[in-house]
Structure formats: C-alpha cells, structure tokens
C-alpha cells in the first residue's frame, strides 16, 4: 500500500487527517516544521487512511512514512 512520506527532515507540527478518512491526490495530510517554516505534506495518491504512523511533536527524517493509505 502507498505511504505518504516526509519530503524534508523536521518535526510533525500538525496531523491533518484521521484513520478512515478518504484522501484525494494533493490533499494535505500533515504539516511539518523545519527551520521555523511550516511545510504541508500532500498525498501523491488517493486512498483511505489506514494508519497514522507518527505523532504531533515527533521528529522525522526525509523519506519517513507518515501516513499509510489503502
């Protein structure tokens, strides 16, 4: 199943989706904070949120999976 991944290293500032929510390509699923800037993370695929793999305040690296879609 496709995952939505972090495109930068930073901190998860806000999660913008819920398990079971239908996501369309381009929807913002989370907002990362890096170097005092807020960066939205958008889904590259459509699907239903199966799992949220991170918590707000958690540090993530580029390429880390944030949300699992099905």
C-alpha atoms as a PDB file:
ATOM      1  CA  UNK A   1       0.000   0.000   0.000  1.00  0.00           C
ATOM      2  CA  UNK A   2       1.211   3.514  -0.678  1.00  0.00           C
ATOM      3  CA  UNK A   3       2.571   5.638   2.136  1.00  0.00           C
ATOM      4  CA  UNK A   4       2.701   9.404   2.382  1.00  0.00           C
ATOM      5  CA  UNK A   5       6.311  10.271   3.207  1.00  0.00           C
ATOM      6  CA  UNK A   6       8.079  13.285   4.661  1.00  0.00           C
ATOM      7  CA  UNK A   7       9.728  15.345   1.928  1.00  0.00           C
ATOM      8  CA  UNK A   8      12.002  17.143   4.418  1.00  0.00           C
ATOM      9  CA  UNK A   9      13.593  16.497   7.797  1.00  0.00           C
ATOM     10  CA  UNK A  10      11.651  18.268  10.555  1.00  0.00           C
ATOM     11  CA  UNK A  11       9.065  17.969  13.287  1.00  0.00           C
ATOM     12  CA  UNK A  12       5.436  16.912  12.824  1.00  0.00           C
ATOM     13  CA  UNK A  13       3.617  20.132  13.692  1.00  0.00           C
ATOM     14  CA  UNK A  14       0.051  19.024  12.926  1.00  0.00           C
ATOM     15  CA  UNK A  15      -1.714  15.954  11.575  1.00  0.00           C
ATOM     16  CA  UNK A  16      -4.455  16.933   9.143  1.00  0.00           C
ATOM     17  CA  UNK A  17      -6.193  13.558   8.614  1.00  0.00           C
ATOM     18  CA  UNK A  18      -7.879  10.759  10.557  1.00  0.00           C
ATOM     19  CA  UNK A  19      -7.929   6.976  10.211  1.00  0.00           C
ATOM     20  CA  UNK A  20     -10.754   6.020   7.849  1.00  0.00           C
ATOM     21  CA  UNK A  21     -10.732   9.374   6.040  1.00  0.00           C
ATOM     22  CA  UNK A  22     -10.846   9.347   2.229  1.00  0.00           C
ATOM     23  CA  UNK A  23      -7.829  11.235   0.810  1.00  0.00           C
ATOM     24  CA  UNK A  24      -7.529  12.615  -2.711  1.00  0.00           C
ATOM     25  CA  UNK A  25      -4.258  13.242  -4.531  1.00  0.00           C
ATOM     26  CA  UNK A  26      -2.951  16.642  -3.417  1.00  0.00           C
ATOM     27  CA  UNK A  27      -4.761  16.690  -0.045  1.00  0.00           C
ATOM     28  CA  UNK A  28      -2.637  17.885   2.892  1.00  0.00           C
ATOM     29  CA  UNK A  29      -2.236  15.043   5.400  1.00  0.00           C
ATOM     30  CA  UNK A  30       0.275  16.663   7.773  1.00  0.00           C
ATOM     31  CA  UNK A  31       2.266  19.837   8.339  1.00  0.00           C
ATOM     32  CA  UNK A  32       5.964  19.622   9.128  1.00  0.00           C
ATOM     33  CA  UNK A  33       8.010  22.361  10.754  1.00  0.00           C
ATOM     34  CA  UNK A  34      11.579  22.805   9.582  1.00  0.00           C
ATOM     35  CA  UNK A  35      13.807  25.832  10.176  1.00  0.00           C
ATOM     36  CA  UNK A  36      10.816  27.729  11.625  1.00  0.00           C
ATOM     37  CA  UNK A  37       8.816  27.210   8.412  1.00  0.00           C
ATOM     38  CA  UNK A  38       5.604  25.191   8.097  1.00  0.00           C
ATOM     39  CA  UNK A  39       5.618  22.790   5.154  1.00  0.00           C
ATOM     40  CA  UNK A  40       2.453  20.919   4.115  1.00  0.00           C
ATOM     41  CA  UNK A  41       2.826  17.251   3.174  1.00  0.00           C
ATOM     42  CA  UNK A  42       0.443  16.321   0.378  1.00  0.00           C
ATOM     43  CA  UNK A  43      -0.740  12.874  -0.687  1.00  0.00           C
ATOM     44  CA  UNK A  44       0.624  11.706  -4.025  1.00  0.00           C
ATOM     45  CA  UNK A  45      -2.070   9.017  -4.308  1.00  0.00           C
ATOM     46  CA  UNK A  46      -5.721   8.758  -3.389  1.00  0.00           C
ATOM     47  CA  UNK A  47      -6.976   6.238  -0.867  1.00  0.00           C
ATOM     48  CA  UNK A  48      -8.314   5.728   2.625  1.00  0.00           C
ATOM     49  CA  UNK A  49      -6.134   6.458   5.656  1.00  0.00           C
ATOM     50  CA  UNK A  50      -5.294   3.026   7.127  1.00  0.00           C
ATOM     51  CA  UNK A  51      -2.852   4.236   9.798  1.00  0.00           C
ATOM     52  CA  UNK A  52      -1.172   7.396  11.046  1.00  0.00           C
ATOM     53  CA  UNK A  53       2.425   6.379  11.712  1.00  0.00           C
ATOM     54  CA  UNK A  54       3.657   9.483  13.573  1.00  0.00           C
ATOM     55  CA  UNK A  55       2.532  11.778  16.396  1.00  0.00           C
ATOM     56  CA  UNK A  56       2.468  15.556  16.620  1.00  0.00           C
ATOM     57  CA  UNK A  57       5.795  16.768  18.011  1.00  0.00           C
ATOM     58  CA  UNK A  58       7.717  13.772  16.645  1.00  0.00           C
ATOM     59  CA  UNK A  59      10.928  14.361  14.700  1.00  0.00           C
ATOM     60  CA  UNK A  60      11.036  12.790  11.230  1.00  0.00           C
ATOM     61  CA  UNK A  61      13.653  12.423   8.525  1.00  0.00           C
ATOM     62  CA  UNK A  62      13.219  12.882   4.787  1.00  0.00           C
ATOM     63  CA  UNK A  63      11.594   9.729   3.406  1.00  0.00           C
ATOM     64  CA  UNK A  64       9.989   8.601   6.685  1.00  0.00           C
ATOM     65  CA  UNK A  65       6.446   7.258   6.261  1.00  0.00           C
ATOM     66  CA  UNK A  66       3.854   9.500   7.935  1.00  0.00           C
ATOM     67  CA  UNK A  67       0.522   8.026   6.821  1.00  0.00           C
ATOM     68  CA  UNK A  68      -0.384   4.629   5.359  1.00  0.00           C
ATOM     69  CA  UNK A  69      -3.115   4.559   2.702  1.00  0.00           C
ATOM     70  CA  UNK A  70      -5.137   1.619   1.425  1.00  0.00           C
END
